[in-house]
Amino acid sequence: MVAGTFRKIRRDLAFRHGRRLRQLNYWLVARVAMGLMAMLRLLPVDSALNFADRVARLAGPWSGRHQVAVNNLRAAYPEKTDAEIQAIAADMWGNMARLAAEYIFLDALFDFDPKATNPGRIEVRGIDHFVEIAGERKPHIVFTGHLGNFELLPVAAATFGMNITALFRPPNNPYLADYILSTRRSAMGGLLPSVAGASFALATILENGGNIGVLVDQKFSNGLETTFFGRPCQSNRILGTLARHFDCDVYPARCIRLPGNRFRLEIEDKLVLPRGEDGTVDVYGTTQLLNDVVERWVREDPGQWMWFHKRWEMSGRRRKRRPDAQAKAA
């Protein structure tokens, strides 16, 4: 009994010690990151973004996630040479560094003016859709992926008067999460952290005739088993479930990074969602359709997507398409 008590005390001490070390590590990483951001803020916008790009292209291959990215790229593009794979991975690191640095300059970057005669950094395609969604008194879902600077999409929506709440996953580092959240809120509309209960909050927004924005290209443990680049993966069924329940329009939107630190924001035509014999939205088919749309975007410019994400790692309980649903889909 005494030995068991001592073991419990050691476990408790180890847990507390480990938690403090983890918090210290988070704090140190956040201090370094914020210090680098403060230094970048001293530079002109273009100089800061180009510098971040160059540093990331040099440092990225030394990261443990680089091999994950390379493996994913080889599986997605078996026909490409090693040099082509490494070039895409380098573009990816440059894109991710630019995204991080652009948090500092969001207000300066977004210069789109519908009345302007000269083009700025931002060009927008699908303006009619932005205006239509903003003017309709019914719920809409807008989805995107981690491409280009996807953070500019809610800023564009606000510019056209669209009231939208974006679902986002905060970083594990609480200090960085607070900083990024404060930066986002200064330039965007409503934000909803992806935590337990978020689906109910999204449902409430749609029920009240609001609009929501969702990122759909991340791995989701216990998600539906779908495919992405022809490989099995797990995907969140939340968008398909909400579309089925509220029977609302679903729009694809994306950001494309252009040369010269410019961006193209696009909102495409609303999707024609797959439906069952009873006319309701097929959740499985809709979830796969979202993957197909994002895959099309990624194939157009693979260097603008986050290949280091373990998108194809299978974990937890895997939910497959039911046999009756397969037959209906066929």
Protein backbone atom coordinates (compact mmCIF):
# COMPACT_ATOMS: atom_id res chain seq x y z
CA MET A 1 0.00 0.00 0.00
CA VAL A 2 2.86 2.35 0.91
CA ALA A 3 4.65 1.51 -2.36
CA GLY A 4 1.44 2.26 -4.29
CA THR A 5 1.12 5.61 -2.53
CA PHE A 6 4.68 6.54 -3.46
CA ARG A 7 4.09 5.53 -7.08
CA LYS A 8 1.01 7.75 -7.21
CA ILE A 9 2.96 10.67 -5.74
CA ARG A 10 5.72 10.19 -8.34
CA ARG A 11 3.17 10.10 -11.14
CA ASP A 12 1.51 13.27 -9.87
CA LEU A 13 4.85 15.06 -9.58
CA ALA A 14 5.90 13.90 -13.05
CA PHE A 15 2.58 15.09 -14.50
CA ARG A 16 2.87 18.50 -12.87
CA HIS A 17 6.50 18.83 -13.87
CA GLY A 18 5.72 17.83 -17.45
CA ARG A 19 2.82 20.28 -17.65
CA ARG A 20 5.01 23.14 -16.42
CA LEU A 21 7.72 22.26 -18.92
CA ARG A 22 5.17 22.18 -21.71
CA GLN A 23 3.82 25.59 -20.69
CA LEU A 24 7.37 26.95 -20.52
CA ASN A 25 8.07 25.60 -23.99
CA TYR A 26 4.86 27.20 -25.31
CA TRP A 27 5.86 30.52 -23.74
CA LEU A 28 9.39 30.43 -25.17
CA VAL A 29 8.19 29.52 -28.66
CA ALA A 30 5.58 32.29 -28.53
CA ARG A 31 8.17 34.84 -27.39
CA VAL A 32 10.50 33.91 -30.24
CA ALA A 33 7.67 33.98 -32.80
CA MET A 34 6.35 37.33 -31.61
CA GLY A 35 9.88 38.74 -31.55
CA LEU A 36 10.36 37.72 -35.18
CA MET A 37 7.01 39.25 -36.09
CA ALA A 38 7.99 42.49 -34.37
CA MET A 39 11.20 42.57 -36.43
CA LEU A 40 9.29 41.94 -39.65
CA ARG A 41 6.91 44.76 -38.78
CA LEU A 42 9.85 47.18 -39.06
CA LEU A 43 10.31 46.29 -42.73
CA PRO A 44 8.22 47.38 -45.71
CA VAL A 45 5.46 44.86 -46.48
CA ASP A 46 7.02 43.34 -49.60
CA SER A 47 10.47 43.14 -48.06
CA ALA A 48 9.11 41.41 -44.94
CA LEU A 49 7.11 38.82 -46.91
CA ASN A 50 9.95 38.06 -49.31
CA PHE A 51 12.40 37.70 -46.42
CA ALA A 52 10.07 35.27 -44.59
CA ASP A 53 9.74 33.25 -47.80
CA ARG A 54 13.51 32.95 -48.28
CA VAL A 55 14.17 31.94 -44.67
CA ALA A 56 11.44 29.28 -44.73
CA ARG A 57 12.73 27.73 -47.95
CA LEU A 58 16.11 27.28 -46.25
CA ALA A 59 14.83 26.16 -42.84
CA GLY A 60 11.82 24.09 -43.90
CA PRO A 61 13.79 21.05 -45.17
CA TRP A 62 15.41 20.74 -41.73
CA SER A 63 12.00 20.42 -40.08
CA GLY A 64 10.71 17.01 -39.02
CA ARG A 65 7.55 17.70 -41.01
CA HIS A 66 9.47 18.08 -44.25
CA GLN A 67 9.72 14.32 -44.73
CA VAL A 68 5.97 14.02 -44.08
CA ALA A 69 5.37 16.55 -46.84
CA VAL A 70 7.74 14.78 -49.25
CA ASN A 71 6.12 11.39 -48.59
CA ASN A 72 2.65 12.83 -49.16
CA LEU A 73 3.75 14.49 -52.37
CA ARG A 74 5.33 11.30 -53.70
CA ALA A 75 2.11 9.40 -53.02
CA ALA A 76 0.01 12.11 -54.67
CA TYR A 77 2.31 12.58 -57.68
CA PRO A 78 4.11 9.28 -58.37
CA GLU A 79 4.98 10.53 -61.86
CA LYS A 80 7.03 13.51 -60.62
CA THR A 81 10.80 13.45 -60.17
CA ASP A 82 12.50 14.02 -56.80
CA ALA A 83 13.55 17.48 -57.97
CA GLU A 84 9.94 18.38 -58.78
CA ILE A 85 8.76 17.04 -55.41
CA GLN A 86 11.39 19.07 -53.54
CA ALA A 87 10.46 22.19 -55.53
CA ILE A 88 6.80 21.86 -54.52
CA ALA A 89 7.82 21.30 -50.89
CA ALA A 90 9.98 24.45 -51.02
CA ASP A 91 7.04 26.44 -52.42
CA MET A 92 4.90 25.09 -49.59
CA TRP A 93 7.34 26.30 -46.90
CA GLY A 94 7.52 29.69 -48.58
CA ASN A 95 3.73 29.89 -48.69
CA MET A 96 3.37 28.96 -45.02
CA ALA A 97 5.98 31.55 -43.97
CA ARG A 98 4.25 34.24 -45.98
CA LEU A 99 0.94 33.31 -44.37
CA ALA A 100 2.43 33.70 -40.89
CA ALA A 101 4.05 37.04 -41.75
CA GLU A 102 0.88 38.32 -43.40
CA TYR A 103 -0.95 38.27 -40.07
CA ILE A 104 1.04 41.38 -39.25
CA PHE A 105 0.01 43.20 -42.42
CA LEU A 106 -3.61 42.09 -42.98
CA ASP A 107 -4.93 45.66 -42.96
CA ALA A 108 -2.27 46.82 -45.41
CA LEU A 109 -2.64 43.81 -47.71
CA PHE A 110 -6.38 43.97 -48.19
CA ASP A 111 -6.76 47.00 -50.42
CA PHE A 112 -9.68 45.88 -52.57
CA ASP A 113 -12.03 48.70 -53.51
CA PRO A 114 -15.00 47.82 -55.77
CA LYS A 115 -14.94 51.40 -57.12
CA ALA A 116 -11.20 51.57 -57.80
CA THR A 117 -10.02 51.89 -61.41
CA ASN A 118 -6.45 50.69 -60.84
CA PRO A 119 -5.81 47.12 -59.61
CA GLY A 120 -4.33 46.68 -56.14
CA ARG A 121 -2.98 43.67 -54.31
CA ILE A 122 -6.40 42.01 -54.18
CA GLU A 123 -8.60 40.98 -57.07
CA VAL A 124 -11.97 39.35 -56.54
CA ARG A 125 -13.89 36.95 -58.76
CA GLY A 126 -17.49 36.05 -58.08
CA ILE A 127 -18.49 39.44 -56.71
CA ASP A 128 -22.11 38.74 -57.66
CA HIS A 129 -22.10 35.73 -55.33
CA PHE A 130 -20.70 37.78 -52.44
CA VAL A 131 -23.40 40.41 -52.97
CA GLU A 132 -26.15 37.80 -53.40
CA ILE A 133 -25.26 35.96 -50.20
CA ALA A 134 -25.03 39.23 -48.26
CA GLY A 135 -28.47 40.29 -49.47
CA GLU A 136 -30.38 37.02 -48.92
CA ARG A 137 -32.10 36.49 -45.59
CA LYS A 138 -31.41 32.78 -45.40
CA PRO A 139 -28.51 30.59 -44.22
CA HIS A 140 -25.48 29.83 -46.39
CA ILE A 141 -22.34 27.75 -45.96
CA VAL A 142 -19.06 28.85 -47.52
CA PHE A 143 -16.14 26.42 -47.40
CA THR A 144 -12.48 26.65 -48.29
CA GLY A 145 -9.12 24.95 -47.74
CA HIS A 146 -5.70 25.92 -46.45
CA LEU A 147 -4.61 27.48 -49.75
CA GLY A 148 -2.84 30.79 -50.30
CA ASN A 149 -3.86 33.23 -47.59
CA PHE A 150 -7.28 31.81 -46.77
CA GLU A 151 -7.57 34.35 -43.93
CA LEU A 152 -8.35 37.05 -46.51
CA LEU A 153 -11.68 35.45 -47.45
CA PRO A 154 -13.59 36.59 -44.31
CA VAL A 155 -12.12 40.07 -44.80
CA ALA A 156 -13.53 40.12 -48.34
CA ALA A 157 -16.89 38.87 -47.08
CA ALA A 158 -17.07 41.74 -44.58
CA THR A 159 -16.22 44.20 -47.36
CA PHE A 160 -19.33 43.14 -49.26
CA GLY A 161 -21.52 43.29 -46.16
CA MET A 162 -21.70 39.54 -45.68
CA ASN A 163 -22.26 38.61 -42.05
CA ILE A 164 -20.31 35.38 -41.65
CA THR A 165 -18.95 33.39 -38.72
CA ALA A 166 -15.79 31.43 -39.50
CA LEU A 167 -14.96 28.16 -37.73
CA PHE A 168 -11.24 27.92 -36.98
CA ARG A 169 -8.89 25.63 -35.11
CA PRO A 170 -6.73 27.61 -32.66
CA PRO A 171 -3.04 26.61 -32.32
CA ASN A 172 -2.10 24.26 -29.48
CA ASN A 173 0.19 26.99 -28.13
CA PRO A 174 -2.17 29.12 -25.97
CA TYR A 175 0.05 32.20 -26.17
CA LEU A 176 0.16 32.14 -29.95
CA ALA A 177 -3.56 31.33 -30.05
CA ASP A 178 -4.39 34.50 -28.10
CA TYR A 179 -2.20 36.61 -30.37
CA ILE A 180 -3.60 35.18 -33.61
CA LEU A 181 -7.19 35.43 -32.37
CA SER A 182 -6.75 39.11 -31.48
CA THR A 183 -5.23 39.74 -34.93
CA ARG A 184 -8.05 37.96 -36.70
CA ARG A 185 -10.80 39.72 -34.79
CA SER A 186 -9.37 43.11 -35.73
CA ALA A 187 -9.99 42.47 -39.43
CA MET A 188 -12.64 39.76 -39.76
CA GLY A 189 -16.19 39.02 -38.78
CA GLY A 190 -17.31 36.48 -36.20
CA LEU A 191 -14.92 33.70 -35.19
CA LEU A 192 -15.80 30.39 -33.57
CA PRO A 193 -13.08 28.11 -32.14
CA SER A 194 -13.30 24.49 -33.24
CA VAL A 195 -13.93 22.95 -29.82
CA ALA A 196 -16.54 20.69 -28.27
CA GLY A 197 -19.98 22.15 -28.88
CA ALA A 198 -18.95 24.12 -31.98
CA SER A 199 -21.37 22.17 -34.17
CA PHE A 200 -24.30 23.28 -32.01
CA ALA A 201 -23.15 26.89 -32.25
CA LEU A 202 -22.92 26.63 -36.05
CA ALA A 203 -26.40 25.11 -36.18
CA THR A 204 -27.77 28.01 -34.12
CA ILE A 205 -26.22 30.53 -36.52
CA LEU A 206 -27.79 28.81 -39.54
CA GLU A 207 -31.11 28.45 -37.76
CA ASN A 208 -31.15 32.22 -37.30
CA GLY A 209 -30.48 32.79 -40.99
CA GLY A 210 -26.75 33.48 -40.62
CA ASN A 211 -23.78 32.39 -42.72
CA ILE A 212 -20.84 30.21 -41.70
CA GLY A 213 -17.38 29.61 -43.14
CA VAL A 214 -15.64 26.25 -42.71
CA LEU A 215 -12.20 24.83 -43.57
CA VAL A 216 -12.71 21.28 -44.83
CA ASP A 217 -9.28 19.89 -45.70
CA GLN A 218 -7.99 18.71 -42.32
CA LYS A 219 -7.83 15.21 -40.89
CA PHE A 220 -10.73 14.54 -38.52
CA SER A 221 -10.37 11.63 -36.09
CA ASN A 222 -13.44 9.39 -36.11
CA GLY A 223 -14.53 11.13 -39.30
CA LEU A 224 -16.09 9.66 -42.40
CA GLU A 225 -13.79 7.51 -44.50
CA THR A 226 -13.44 9.34 -47.80
CA THR A 227 -10.67 9.71 -50.38
CA PHE A 228 -8.31 12.57 -51.22
CA PHE A 229 -5.87 12.23 -54.11
CA GLY A 230 -7.10 8.65 -54.41
CA ARG A 231 -6.02 7.69 -50.88
CA PRO A 232 -8.29 6.92 -47.90
CA CYS A 233 -8.61 9.66 -45.31
CA GLN A 234 -10.95 10.77 -42.55
CA SER A 235 -13.09 13.87 -43.06
CA ASN A 236 -15.40 15.91 -40.88
CA ARG A 237 -19.07 15.33 -41.69
CA ILE A 238 -20.20 18.60 -40.08
CA LEU A 239 -20.79 20.54 -43.30
CA GLY A 240 -22.76 17.75 -44.94
CA THR A 241 -24.84 17.25 -41.80
CA LEU A 242 -25.66 20.95 -41.53
CA ALA A 243 -26.46 21.22 -45.24
CA ARG A 244 -28.79 18.25 -44.91
CA HIS A 245 -30.56 19.63 -41.84
CA PHE A 246 -31.01 23.21 -43.09
CA ASP A 247 -31.07 22.45 -46.84
CA CYS A 248 -28.97 25.58 -47.41
CA ASP A 249 -26.79 26.64 -50.33
CA VAL A 250 -23.09 25.66 -50.17
CA TYR A 251 -20.46 27.79 -51.93
CA PRO A 252 -16.77 26.95 -52.57
CA ALA A 253 -14.32 29.84 -52.03
CA ARG A 254 -10.53 30.02 -52.19
CA CYS A 255 -7.53 32.34 -52.16
CA ILE A 256 -4.86 32.06 -54.87
CA ARG A 257 -1.46 33.58 -54.23
CA LEU A 258 -0.23 35.57 -57.26
CA PRO A 259 3.26 36.88 -58.12
CA GLY A 260 4.30 40.17 -56.56
CA ASN A 261 2.56 39.55 -53.22
CA ARG A 262 -0.88 39.79 -54.82
CA PHE A 263 -3.95 37.62 -54.31
CA ARG A 264 -7.02 36.46 -56.17
CA LEU A 265 -10.09 35.69 -54.06
CA GLU A 266 -12.70 33.52 -55.76
CA ILE A 267 -16.16 32.37 -54.78
CA GLU A 268 -17.49 29.80 -57.21
CA ASP A 269 -21.03 28.82 -58.15
CA LYS A 270 -22.96 27.02 -55.44
CA LEU A 271 -22.56 23.26 -55.44
CA VAL A 272 -25.21 20.85 -56.63
CA LEU A 273 -25.19 18.54 -53.60
CA PRO A 274 -25.80 14.79 -53.99
CA ARG A 275 -29.15 13.67 -52.62
CA GLY A 276 -30.81 10.42 -51.67
CA GLU A 277 -34.04 8.98 -53.04
CA ASP A 278 -35.99 10.93 -50.41
CA GLY A 279 -34.54 14.21 -51.69
CA THR A 280 -32.42 14.98 -48.65
CA VAL A 281 -28.74 15.82 -48.87
CA ASP A 282 -26.44 12.77 -48.84
CA VAL A 283 -23.93 13.50 -46.06
CA TYR A 284 -21.38 10.95 -47.28
CA GLY A 285 -21.57 12.09 -50.87
CA THR A 286 -21.36 15.77 -49.89
CA THR A 287 -18.29 15.17 -47.71
CA GLN A 288 -16.56 13.42 -50.62
CA LEU A 289 -17.59 16.21 -52.99
CA LEU A 290 -15.87 18.77 -50.76
CA ASN A 291 -12.67 16.70 -50.92
CA ASP A 292 -12.93 16.58 -54.70
CA VAL A 293 -13.27 20.37 -54.94
CA VAL A 294 -10.25 20.97 -52.70
CA GLU A 295 -8.22 18.38 -54.61
CA ARG A 296 -8.97 20.25 -57.85
CA TRP A 297 -7.70 23.47 -56.26
CA VAL A 298 -4.55 21.82 -54.91
CA ARG A 299 -3.72 20.19 -58.24
CA GLU A 300 -3.86 23.60 -59.92
CA ASP A 301 -1.10 24.91 -57.63
CA PRO A 302 0.24 22.24 -55.23
CA GLY A 303 2.83 24.57 -53.67
CA GLN A 304 0.08 26.56 -51.97
CA TRP A 305 -1.24 23.69 -49.85
CA MET A 306 0.08 22.33 -46.51
CA TRP A 307 1.50 18.93 -47.47
CA PHE A 308 3.13 18.50 -44.05
CA HIS A 309 -0.33 17.91 -42.52
CA LYS A 310 -0.98 14.22 -41.76
CA ARG A 311 -4.15 14.27 -43.83
CA TRP A 312 -4.07 10.56 -44.63
CA GLU A 313 -3.33 9.22 -41.15
CA MET A 314 -6.21 6.96 -40.09
CA SER A 315 -7.14 6.88 -36.41
CA GLY A 316 -10.05 6.23 -34.06
CA ARG A 317 -13.29 4.74 -35.26
CA ARG A 318 -13.50 4.81 -39.04
CA ARG A 319 -17.00 5.48 -40.37
CA LYS A 320 -17.47 4.00 -43.80
CA ARG A 321 -20.25 4.58 -46.26
CA ARG A 322 -23.15 2.32 -45.42
CA PRO A 323 -23.88 -0.48 -47.96
CA ASP A 324 -27.37 0.90 -48.63
CA ALA A 325 -25.90 4.35 -49.27
CA GLN A 326 -23.34 2.86 -51.66
CA ALA A 327 -26.10 1.21 -53.65
CA LYS A 328 -28.10 4.45 -53.82
CA ALA A 329 -25.05 6.41 -54.93
CA ALA A 330 -24.33 3.88 -57.67
